[in-house]
């Protein structure tokens, strides 16, 4: 009887979304039916060979003061910090569920976020947190846009071994304990080309929302720009856009903009 109880499984309905190639498992958990959030369960679901596959997993839950709450888990199974593309995807998911129309205020781990959906329905503009501190580590910039980021400029980014270089920086003596996301940027004049090694995934991903945001702000500071700034960014998974105001000291009205699309839905036993 004990063995039978241990083999009992629960059926969970899930959705798969992607934003510029950053892909996520999304679960409507307003009824709190998904309780098994231990590392191994999330890790297995995010596994690309033995599970659904994804850069992370998100639960959409009720909140008394907001339209919904976003709970984000990294692909390694650990509860994560803010995920920008995940935030855009969960907004599109909330619209699909009929929770919101074209605007929303929701709660994430780094606080409240406002977002709006364009008329076409798959373009989501997500407001990120204000930033007033950017540190330096040699020639690199270090800042927190909801998640910690390291930003370094490079040339010939197409040919760079992002996995190896990113892994080295993420695991050096300065950052190994807490971890950091490592962004490599090439300034191509009319846009920035960005590739990112993400902690929690421990690999390069096709896009990182908080990462491209960190890059855009760092490059504005590096170039001593000010005013209202729009920065087009190309990533492996497509194109994103960051808009913000910068007065030389603080970044405000920061928005991460780009597509968020449903890929498929299904059921899984856990």
C-alpha atoms as a PDB file:
ATOM      1  CA  UNK A   1       0.000   0.000   0.000  1.00  0.00           C
ATOM      2  CA  UNK A   2       2.843   2.384   0.850  1.00  0.00           C
ATOM      3  CA  UNK A   3       4.439   1.731  -2.518  1.00  0.00           C
ATOM      4  CA  UNK A   4       1.164   2.471  -4.286  1.00  0.00           C
ATOM      5  CA  UNK A   5       0.818   5.778  -2.445  1.00  0.00           C
ATOM      6  CA  UNK A   6       4.329   6.803  -3.429  1.00  0.00           C
ATOM      7  CA  UNK A   7       3.618   6.111  -7.106  1.00  0.00           C
ATOM      8  CA  UNK A   8       0.425   8.191  -7.220  1.00  0.00           C
ATOM      9  CA  UNK A   9       0.859  11.044  -9.670  1.00  0.00           C
ATOM     10  CA  UNK A  10      -0.971  14.309 -10.246  1.00  0.00           C
ATOM     11  CA  UNK A  11      -1.983  15.568 -13.672  1.00  0.00           C
ATOM     12  CA  UNK A  12      -1.045  19.214 -14.339  1.00  0.00           C
ATOM     13  CA  UNK A  13      -2.187  21.293 -17.317  1.00  0.00           C
ATOM     14  CA  UNK A  14       0.596  23.542 -18.613  1.00  0.00           C
ATOM     15  CA  UNK A  15       1.329  26.050 -21.349  1.00  0.00           C
ATOM     16  CA  UNK A  16       4.578  26.774 -23.150  1.00  0.00           C
ATOM     17  CA  UNK A  17       5.469  30.365 -24.095  1.00  0.00           C
ATOM     18  CA  UNK A  18       8.523  31.968 -25.644  1.00  0.00           C
ATOM     19  CA  UNK A  19       9.769  35.534 -25.816  1.00  0.00           C
ATOM     20  CA  UNK A  20      12.573  36.067 -28.358  1.00  0.00           C
ATOM     21  CA  UNK A  21      13.586  32.437 -27.892  1.00  0.00           C
ATOM     22  CA  UNK A  22      13.542  32.563 -24.079  1.00  0.00           C
ATOM     23  CA  UNK A  23      11.089  29.721 -23.375  1.00  0.00           C
ATOM     24  CA  UNK A  24       9.053  28.976 -20.268  1.00  0.00           C
ATOM     25  CA  UNK A  25       6.593  26.495 -18.789  1.00  0.00           C
ATOM     26  CA  UNK A  26       3.554  28.354 -17.426  1.00  0.00           C
ATOM     27  CA  UNK A  27       0.983  26.940 -15.017  1.00  0.00           C
ATOM     28  CA  UNK A  28      -2.264  28.549 -13.907  1.00  0.00           C
ATOM     29  CA  UNK A  29      -1.962  27.990 -10.167  1.00  0.00           C
ATOM     30  CA  UNK A  30      -4.808  30.176  -8.933  1.00  0.00           C
ATOM     31  CA  UNK A  31      -6.330  27.115  -7.264  1.00  0.00           C
ATOM     32  CA  UNK A  32      -2.921  26.249  -5.709  1.00  0.00           C
ATOM     33  CA  UNK A  33      -3.118  22.738  -7.148  1.00  0.00           C
ATOM     34  CA  UNK A  34       0.579  22.790  -8.071  1.00  0.00           C
ATOM     35  CA  UNK A  35       2.176  22.335  -4.666  1.00  0.00           C
ATOM     36  CA  UNK A  36       5.189  20.235  -5.631  1.00  0.00           C
ATOM     37  CA  UNK A  37       7.732  23.025  -6.139  1.00  0.00           C
ATOM     38  CA  UNK A  38      10.756  21.126  -4.869  1.00  0.00           C
ATOM     39  CA  UNK A  39      13.944  21.430  -6.909  1.00  0.00           C
ATOM     40  CA  UNK A  40      13.746  17.983  -8.486  1.00  0.00           C
ATOM     41  CA  UNK A  41      10.217  18.412  -9.874  1.00  0.00           C
ATOM     42  CA  UNK A  42      10.934  21.776 -11.498  1.00  0.00           C
ATOM     43  CA  UNK A  43      14.333  20.562 -12.693  1.00  0.00           C
ATOM     44  CA  UNK A  44      12.761  17.542 -14.373  1.00  0.00           C
ATOM     45  CA  UNK A  45       9.965  19.544 -16.014  1.00  0.00           C
ATOM     46  CA  UNK A  46      12.495  22.031 -17.450  1.00  0.00           C
ATOM     47  CA  UNK A  47      14.781  19.265 -18.733  1.00  0.00           C
ATOM     48  CA  UNK A  48      14.833  19.350 -22.532  1.00  0.00           C
ATOM     49  CA  UNK A  49      15.267  15.593 -22.960  1.00  0.00           C
ATOM     50  CA  UNK A  50      13.346  14.079 -20.064  1.00  0.00           C
ATOM     51  CA  UNK A  51      10.717  16.766 -19.429  1.00  0.00           C
ATOM     52  CA  UNK A  52       8.808  19.538 -21.196  1.00  0.00           C
ATOM     53  CA  UNK A  53      11.895  21.713 -21.582  1.00  0.00           C
ATOM     54  CA  UNK A  54      12.333  25.374 -20.765  1.00  0.00           C
ATOM     55  CA  UNK A  55      14.614  28.105 -19.458  1.00  0.00           C
ATOM     56  CA  UNK A  56      12.348  28.323 -16.428  1.00  0.00           C
ATOM     57  CA  UNK A  57       8.933  27.593 -14.937  1.00  0.00           C
ATOM     58  CA  UNK A  58       6.342  30.121 -13.781  1.00  0.00           C
ATOM     59  CA  UNK A  59       3.263  29.890 -11.617  1.00  0.00           C
ATOM     60  CA  UNK A  60       0.489  32.442 -12.069  1.00  0.00           C
ATOM     61  CA  UNK A  61      -1.238  32.900  -8.708  1.00  0.00           C
ATOM     62  CA  UNK A  62      -3.926  35.090  -7.169  1.00  0.00           C
ATOM     63  CA  UNK A  63      -2.988  38.175  -5.170  1.00  0.00           C
ATOM     64  CA  UNK A  64      -5.361  40.391  -3.200  1.00  0.00           C
ATOM     65  CA  UNK A  65      -3.749  43.673  -4.291  1.00  0.00           C
ATOM     66  CA  UNK A  66      -2.719  42.925  -7.893  1.00  0.00           C
ATOM     67  CA  UNK A  67      -4.128  41.284 -11.008  1.00  0.00           C
ATOM     68  CA  UNK A  68      -1.920  38.264 -10.292  1.00  0.00           C
ATOM     69  CA  UNK A  69       1.386  37.189  -8.790  1.00  0.00           C
ATOM     70  CA  UNK A  70       4.300  35.763 -10.792  1.00  0.00           C
ATOM     71  CA  UNK A  71       6.356  33.038  -9.112  1.00  0.00           C
ATOM     72  CA  UNK A  72       9.455  32.159 -11.137  1.00  0.00           C
ATOM     73  CA  UNK A  73      11.740  29.115 -10.909  1.00  0.00           C
ATOM     74  CA  UNK A  74      15.042  28.746 -12.726  1.00  0.00           C
ATOM     75  CA  UNK A  75      15.666  25.689 -14.868  1.00  0.00           C
ATOM     76  CA  UNK A  76      17.906  24.310 -12.099  1.00  0.00           C
ATOM     77  CA  UNK A  77      14.816  24.054  -9.869  1.00  0.00           C
ATOM     78  CA  UNK A  78      15.616  26.973  -7.576  1.00  0.00           C
ATOM     79  CA  UNK A  79      13.328  29.907  -6.936  1.00  0.00           C
ATOM     80  CA  UNK A  80      14.640  32.669  -9.183  1.00  0.00           C
ATOM     81  CA  UNK A  81      15.016  36.419  -9.239  1.00  0.00           C
ATOM     82  CA  UNK A  82      13.120  38.574 -11.755  1.00  0.00           C
ATOM     83  CA  UNK A  83      12.918  37.316 -15.337  1.00  0.00           C
ATOM     84  CA  UNK A  84      12.092  40.014 -17.889  1.00  0.00           C
ATOM     85  CA  UNK A  85      11.059  37.848 -20.827  1.00  0.00           C
ATOM     86  CA  UNK A  86       9.254  35.583 -18.385  1.00  0.00           C
ATOM     87  CA  UNK A  87       7.377  38.622 -17.133  1.00  0.00           C
ATOM     88  CA  UNK A  88       6.316  39.494 -20.665  1.00  0.00           C
ATOM     89  CA  UNK A  89       5.214  35.909 -21.312  1.00  0.00           C
ATOM     90  CA  UNK A  90       3.154  35.673 -18.145  1.00  0.00           C
ATOM     91  CA  UNK A  91       1.360  38.899 -19.111  1.00  0.00           C
ATOM     92  CA  UNK A  92       0.390  37.315 -22.445  1.00  0.00           C
ATOM     93  CA  UNK A  93      -0.653  34.198 -20.511  1.00  0.00           C
ATOM     94  CA  UNK A  94      -2.847  36.271 -18.166  1.00  0.00           C
ATOM     95  CA  UNK A  95      -4.603  37.762 -21.191  1.00  0.00           C
ATOM     96  CA  UNK A  96      -5.127  34.272 -22.630  1.00  0.00           C
ATOM     97  CA  UNK A  97      -6.736  33.217 -19.337  1.00  0.00           C
ATOM     98  CA  UNK A  98      -9.034  36.257 -19.401  1.00  0.00           C
ATOM     99  CA  UNK A  99      -7.548  37.742 -16.216  1.00  0.00           C
ATOM    100  CA  UNK A 100      -6.524  40.984 -17.935  1.00  0.00           C
ATOM    101  CA  UNK A 101      -7.294  42.861 -21.147  1.00  0.00           C
ATOM    102  CA  UNK A 102      -4.467  45.035 -22.517  1.00  0.00           C
ATOM    103  CA  UNK A 103      -3.006  46.482 -19.307  1.00  0.00           C
ATOM    104  CA  UNK A 104      -2.009  44.974 -15.985  1.00  0.00           C
ATOM    105  CA  UNK A 105      -0.322  45.555 -12.668  1.00  0.00           C
ATOM    106  CA  UNK A 106       1.148  42.356 -11.236  1.00  0.00           C
ATOM    107  CA  UNK A 107       3.545  41.372  -8.478  1.00  0.00           C
ATOM    108  CA  UNK A 108       6.928  39.703  -9.034  1.00  0.00           C
ATOM    109  CA  UNK A 109       9.814  38.913  -6.715  1.00  0.00           C
ATOM    110  CA  UNK A 110      11.363  42.370  -7.224  1.00  0.00           C
ATOM    111  CA  UNK A 111       8.094  44.234  -6.629  1.00  0.00           C
ATOM    112  CA  UNK A 112       5.125  45.505  -8.669  1.00  0.00           C
ATOM    113  CA  UNK A 113       5.257  45.704 -12.466  1.00  0.00           C
ATOM    114  CA  UNK A 114       3.064  47.481 -15.003  1.00  0.00           C
ATOM    115  CA  UNK A 115       2.687  46.052 -18.506  1.00  0.00           C
ATOM    116  CA  UNK A 116       0.613  46.600 -21.615  1.00  0.00           C
ATOM    117  CA  UNK A 117      -0.121  44.517 -24.702  1.00  0.00           C
ATOM    118  CA  UNK A 118      -0.150  45.976 -28.214  1.00  0.00           C
ATOM    119  CA  UNK A 119      -3.095  45.806 -30.571  1.00  0.00           C
ATOM    120  CA  UNK A 120      -1.600  42.839 -32.433  1.00  0.00           C
ATOM    121  CA  UNK A 121      -1.743  40.869 -29.213  1.00  0.00           C
ATOM    122  CA  UNK A 122       1.737  39.369 -29.060  1.00  0.00           C
ATOM    123  CA  UNK A 123       3.832  42.471 -28.326  1.00  0.00           C
ATOM    124  CA  UNK A 124       4.256  43.089 -24.603  1.00  0.00           C
ATOM    125  CA  UNK A 125       5.828  46.176 -23.032  1.00  0.00           C
ATOM    126  CA  UNK A 126       6.942  45.455 -19.465  1.00  0.00           C
ATOM    127  CA  UNK A 127       8.016  48.183 -17.070  1.00  0.00           C
ATOM    128  CA  UNK A 128      11.175  47.278 -15.203  1.00  0.00           C
ATOM    129  CA  UNK A 129      12.491  48.687 -11.922  1.00  0.00           C
ATOM    130  CA  UNK A 130      14.213  52.091 -11.777  1.00  0.00           C
ATOM    131  CA  UNK A 131      18.010  51.959 -11.574  1.00  0.00           C
ATOM    132  CA  UNK A 132      20.275  54.466  -9.839  1.00  0.00           C
ATOM    133  CA  UNK A 133      23.411  52.389  -9.260  1.00  0.00           C
ATOM    134  CA  UNK A 134      25.803  50.924 -11.821  1.00  0.00           C
ATOM    135  CA  UNK A 135      29.131  49.651 -10.520  1.00  0.00           C
ATOM    136  CA  UNK A 136      32.330  48.770 -12.357  1.00  0.00           C
ATOM    137  CA  UNK A 137      34.457  45.636 -12.385  1.00  0.00           C
ATOM    138  CA  UNK A 138      37.444  46.639 -14.464  1.00  0.00           C
ATOM    139  CA  UNK A 139      36.048  47.578 -17.878  1.00  0.00           C
ATOM    140  CA  UNK A 140      32.763  45.778 -17.202  1.00  0.00           C
ATOM    141  CA  UNK A 141      29.552  47.212 -15.750  1.00  0.00           C
ATOM    142  CA  UNK A 142      27.689  45.495 -12.899  1.00  0.00           C
ATOM    143  CA  UNK A 143      24.080  46.268 -12.002  1.00  0.00           C
ATOM    144  CA  UNK A 144      20.820  44.726 -10.822  1.00  0.00           C
ATOM    145  CA  UNK A 145      17.777  45.086 -13.089  1.00  0.00           C
ATOM    146  CA  UNK A 146      15.711  42.655 -11.015  1.00  0.00           C
ATOM    147  CA  UNK A 147      18.506  40.112 -11.432  1.00  0.00           C
ATOM    148  CA  UNK A 148      22.266  40.729 -11.113  1.00  0.00           C
ATOM    149  CA  UNK A 149      24.141  41.338 -14.369  1.00  0.00           C
ATOM    150  CA  UNK A 150      27.693  41.685 -15.608  1.00  0.00           C
ATOM    151  CA  UNK A 151      28.023  43.605 -18.901  1.00  0.00           C
ATOM    152  CA  UNK A 152      31.190  43.536 -21.010  1.00  0.00           C
ATOM    153  CA  UNK A 153      31.825  44.881 -24.506  1.00  0.00           C
ATOM    154  CA  UNK A 154      33.409  42.690 -27.132  1.00  0.00           C
ATOM    155  CA  UNK A 155      34.016  42.411 -30.866  1.00  0.00           C
ATOM    156  CA  UNK A 156      33.251  39.522 -33.231  1.00  0.00           C
ATOM    157  CA  UNK A 157      30.526  38.347 -30.848  1.00  0.00           C
ATOM    158  CA  UNK A 158      29.258  35.803 -33.371  1.00  0.00           C
ATOM    159  CA  UNK A 159      32.458  33.840 -32.884  1.00  0.00           C
ATOM    160  CA  UNK A 160      32.828  34.174 -29.104  1.00  0.00           C
ATOM    161  CA  UNK A 161      32.628  31.057 -26.914  1.00  0.00           C
ATOM    162  CA  UNK A 162      29.920  32.541 -24.688  1.00  0.00           C
ATOM    163  CA  UNK A 163      29.441  29.352 -22.706  1.00  0.00           C
ATOM    164  CA  UNK A 164      33.082  29.065 -21.668  1.00  0.00           C
ATOM    165  CA  UNK A 165      33.736  32.789 -21.129  1.00  0.00           C
ATOM    166  CA  UNK A 166      30.438  33.305 -19.324  1.00  0.00           C
ATOM    167  CA  UNK A 167      30.946  30.281 -17.109  1.00  0.00           C
ATOM    168  CA  UNK A 168      34.398  31.533 -16.085  1.00  0.00           C
ATOM    169  CA  UNK A 169      33.085  34.945 -15.015  1.00  0.00           C
ATOM    170  CA  UNK A 170      29.965  33.563 -13.311  1.00  0.00           C
ATOM    171  CA  UNK A 171      32.122  31.186 -11.258  1.00  0.00           C
ATOM    172  CA  UNK A 172      35.059  33.433 -10.400  1.00  0.00           C
ATOM    173  CA  UNK A 173      35.863  34.339  -6.789  1.00  0.00           C
ATOM    174  CA  UNK A 174      33.803  37.540  -6.911  1.00  0.00           C
ATOM    175  CA  UNK A 175      30.541  36.068  -8.183  1.00  0.00           C
ATOM    176  CA  UNK A 176      30.593  32.318  -7.506  1.00  0.00           C
ATOM    177  CA  UNK A 177      28.633  32.352  -4.233  1.00  0.00           C
ATOM    178  CA  UNK A 178      25.621  34.405  -5.340  1.00  0.00           C
ATOM    179  CA  UNK A 179      26.039  33.918  -9.072  1.00  0.00           C
ATOM    180  CA  UNK A 180      25.654  36.518 -11.799  1.00  0.00           C
ATOM    181  CA  UNK A 181      24.335  36.653 -15.351  1.00  0.00           C
ATOM    182  CA  UNK A 182      27.063  37.482 -17.870  1.00  0.00           C
ATOM    183  CA  UNK A 183      26.221  39.613 -20.918  1.00  0.00           C
ATOM    184  CA  UNK A 184      28.488  40.177 -23.912  1.00  0.00           C
ATOM    185  CA  UNK A 185      27.593  43.124 -26.133  1.00  0.00           C
ATOM    186  CA  UNK A 186      28.756  44.248 -29.546  1.00  0.00           C
ATOM    187  CA  UNK A 187      27.765  47.779 -30.588  1.00  0.00           C
ATOM    188  CA  UNK A 188      26.713  47.591 -34.230  1.00  0.00           C
ATOM    189  CA  UNK A 189      25.768  51.247 -34.587  1.00  0.00           C
ATOM    190  CA  UNK A 190      22.024  51.056 -35.246  1.00  0.00           C
ATOM    191  CA  UNK A 191      21.523  48.286 -32.667  1.00  0.00           C
ATOM    192  CA  UNK A 192      23.241  46.278 -29.941  1.00  0.00           C
ATOM    193  CA  UNK A 193      23.937  42.566 -30.406  1.00  0.00           C
ATOM    194  CA  UNK A 194      23.798  40.716 -27.076  1.00  0.00           C
ATOM    195  CA  UNK A 195      24.533  37.167 -25.977  1.00  0.00           C
ATOM    196  CA  UNK A 196      24.010  36.042 -22.371  1.00  0.00           C
ATOM    197  CA  UNK A 197      25.184  33.253 -20.085  1.00  0.00           C
ATOM    198  CA  UNK A 198      22.436  32.863 -17.456  1.00  0.00           C
ATOM    199  CA  UNK A 199      22.912  31.641 -13.910  1.00  0.00           C
ATOM    200  CA  UNK A 200      20.270  29.093 -12.933  1.00  0.00           C
ATOM    201  CA  UNK A 201      20.241  27.799 -16.494  1.00  0.00           C
ATOM    202  CA  UNK A 202      24.063  27.621 -16.360  1.00  0.00           C
ATOM    203  CA  UNK A 203      24.278  27.994 -20.108  1.00  0.00           C
ATOM    204  CA  UNK A 204      23.760  30.521 -22.864  1.00  0.00           C
ATOM    205  CA  UNK A 205      20.096  31.275 -23.566  1.00  0.00           C
ATOM    206  CA  UNK A 206      18.533  32.688 -26.737  1.00  0.00           C
ATOM    207  CA  UNK A 207      17.552  35.857 -24.866  1.00  0.00           C
ATOM    208  CA  UNK A 208      17.553  37.395 -21.402  1.00  0.00           C
ATOM    209  CA  UNK A 209      15.166  40.261 -20.676  1.00  0.00           C
ATOM    210  CA  UNK A 210      16.791  41.632 -17.547  1.00  0.00           C
ATOM    211  CA  UNK A 211      20.106  41.112 -19.350  1.00  0.00           C
ATOM    212  CA  UNK A 212      19.358  43.211 -22.426  1.00  0.00           C
ATOM    213  CA  UNK A 213      17.910  45.841 -20.102  1.00  0.00           C
ATOM    214  CA  UNK A 214      21.154  45.892 -18.127  1.00  0.00           C
ATOM    215  CA  UNK A 215      23.136  46.152 -21.369  1.00  0.00           C
ATOM    216  CA  UNK A 216      21.068  49.058 -22.725  1.00  0.00           C
ATOM    217  CA  UNK A 217      21.409  51.046 -19.499  1.00  0.00           C
ATOM    218  CA  UNK A 218      25.130  50.313 -19.205  1.00  0.00           C
ATOM    219  CA  UNK A 219      25.793  51.395 -22.787  1.00  0.00           C
ATOM    220  CA  UNK A 220      23.843  54.625 -22.275  1.00  0.00           C
ATOM    221  CA  UNK A 221      26.020  55.380 -19.273  1.00  0.00           C
ATOM    222  CA  UNK A 222      29.145  54.383 -21.209  1.00  0.00           C
ATOM    223  CA  UNK A 223      28.230  56.701 -24.101  1.00  0.00           C
ATOM    224  CA  UNK A 224      27.166  59.488 -21.697  1.00  0.00           C
ATOM    225  CA  UNK A 225      23.737  59.666 -23.292  1.00  0.00           C
ATOM    226  CA  UNK A 226      20.777  61.358 -21.610  1.00  0.00           C
ATOM    227  CA  UNK A 227      17.092  62.099 -22.198  1.00  0.00           C
ATOM    228  CA  UNK A 228      14.546  59.653 -23.586  1.00  0.00           C
ATOM    229  CA  UNK A 229      16.426  56.751 -25.151  1.00  0.00           C
ATOM    230  CA  UNK A 230      15.258  53.859 -27.332  1.00  0.00           C
ATOM    231  CA  UNK A 231      17.693  50.983 -27.802  1.00  0.00           C
ATOM    232  CA  UNK A 232      17.080  48.221 -30.370  1.00  0.00           C
ATOM    233  CA  UNK A 233      18.701  44.931 -29.351  1.00  0.00           C
ATOM    234  CA  UNK A 234      19.296  41.789 -31.380  1.00  0.00           C
ATOM    235  CA  UNK A 235      19.598  38.463 -29.534  1.00  0.00           C
ATOM    236  CA  UNK A 236      19.922  34.904 -30.798  1.00  0.00           C
ATOM    237  CA  UNK A 237      16.143  34.459 -30.594  1.00  0.00           C
ATOM    238  CA  UNK A 238      15.072  37.667 -32.330  1.00  0.00           C
ATOM    239  CA  UNK A 239      14.700  41.342 -31.579  1.00  0.00           C
ATOM    240  CA  UNK A 240      13.874  43.313 -28.420  1.00  0.00           C
ATOM    241  CA  UNK A 241      13.660  47.003 -27.595  1.00  0.00           C
ATOM    242  CA  UNK A 242      14.441  48.880 -24.391  1.00  0.00           C
ATOM    243  CA  UNK A 243      13.157  52.410 -23.773  1.00  0.00           C
ATOM    244  CA  UNK A 244      14.001  54.568 -20.770  1.00  0.00           C
ATOM    245  CA  UNK A 245      14.690  58.052 -19.457  1.00  0.00           C
ATOM    246  CA  UNK A 246      18.160  58.897 -18.144  1.00  0.00           C
ATOM    247  CA  UNK A 247      19.124  62.157 -16.440  1.00  0.00           C
ATOM    248  CA  UNK A 248      22.766  61.253 -15.914  1.00  0.00           C
ATOM    249  CA  UNK A 249      22.102  59.783 -12.475  1.00  0.00           C
ATOM    250  CA  UNK A 250      18.936  57.673 -12.554  1.00  0.00           C
ATOM    251  CA  UNK A 251      17.196  55.472 -15.108  1.00  0.00           C
ATOM    252  CA  UNK A 252      13.392  55.718 -14.950  1.00  0.00           C
ATOM    253  CA  UNK A 253      10.407  54.651 -17.065  1.00  0.00           C
ATOM    254  CA  UNK A 254      12.385  51.581 -18.148  1.00  0.00           C
ATOM    255  CA  UNK A 255      10.437  49.304 -20.507  1.00  0.00           C
ATOM    256  CA  UNK A 256      11.408  45.957 -22.016  1.00  0.00           C
ATOM    257  CA  UNK A 257       9.470  45.470 -25.251  1.00  0.00           C
ATOM    258  CA  UNK A 258       9.126  42.489 -27.561  1.00  0.00           C
ATOM    259  CA  UNK A 259       7.060  39.467 -28.629  1.00  0.00           C
ATOM    260  CA  UNK A 260       5.552  36.900 -26.278  1.00  0.00           C
ATOM    261  CA  UNK A 261       3.926  33.928 -27.950  1.00  0.00           C
ATOM    262  CA  UNK A 262       2.202  30.713 -26.921  1.00  0.00           C
ATOM    263  CA  UNK A 263       3.950  27.693 -28.410  1.00  0.00           C
ATOM    264  CA  UNK A 264       1.729  24.843 -27.201  1.00  0.00           C
ATOM    265  CA  UNK A 265      -0.194  23.473 -24.229  1.00  0.00           C
ATOM    266  CA  UNK A 266      -0.539  20.020 -22.750  1.00  0.00           C
ATOM    267  CA  UNK A 267      -0.769  17.849 -19.668  1.00  0.00           C
ATOM    268  CA  UNK A 268       1.993  16.310 -17.610  1.00  0.00           C
ATOM    269  CA  UNK A 269       2.002  13.905 -14.665  1.00  0.00           C
ATOM    270  CA  UNK A 270       4.159  14.793 -11.672  1.00  0.00           C
END
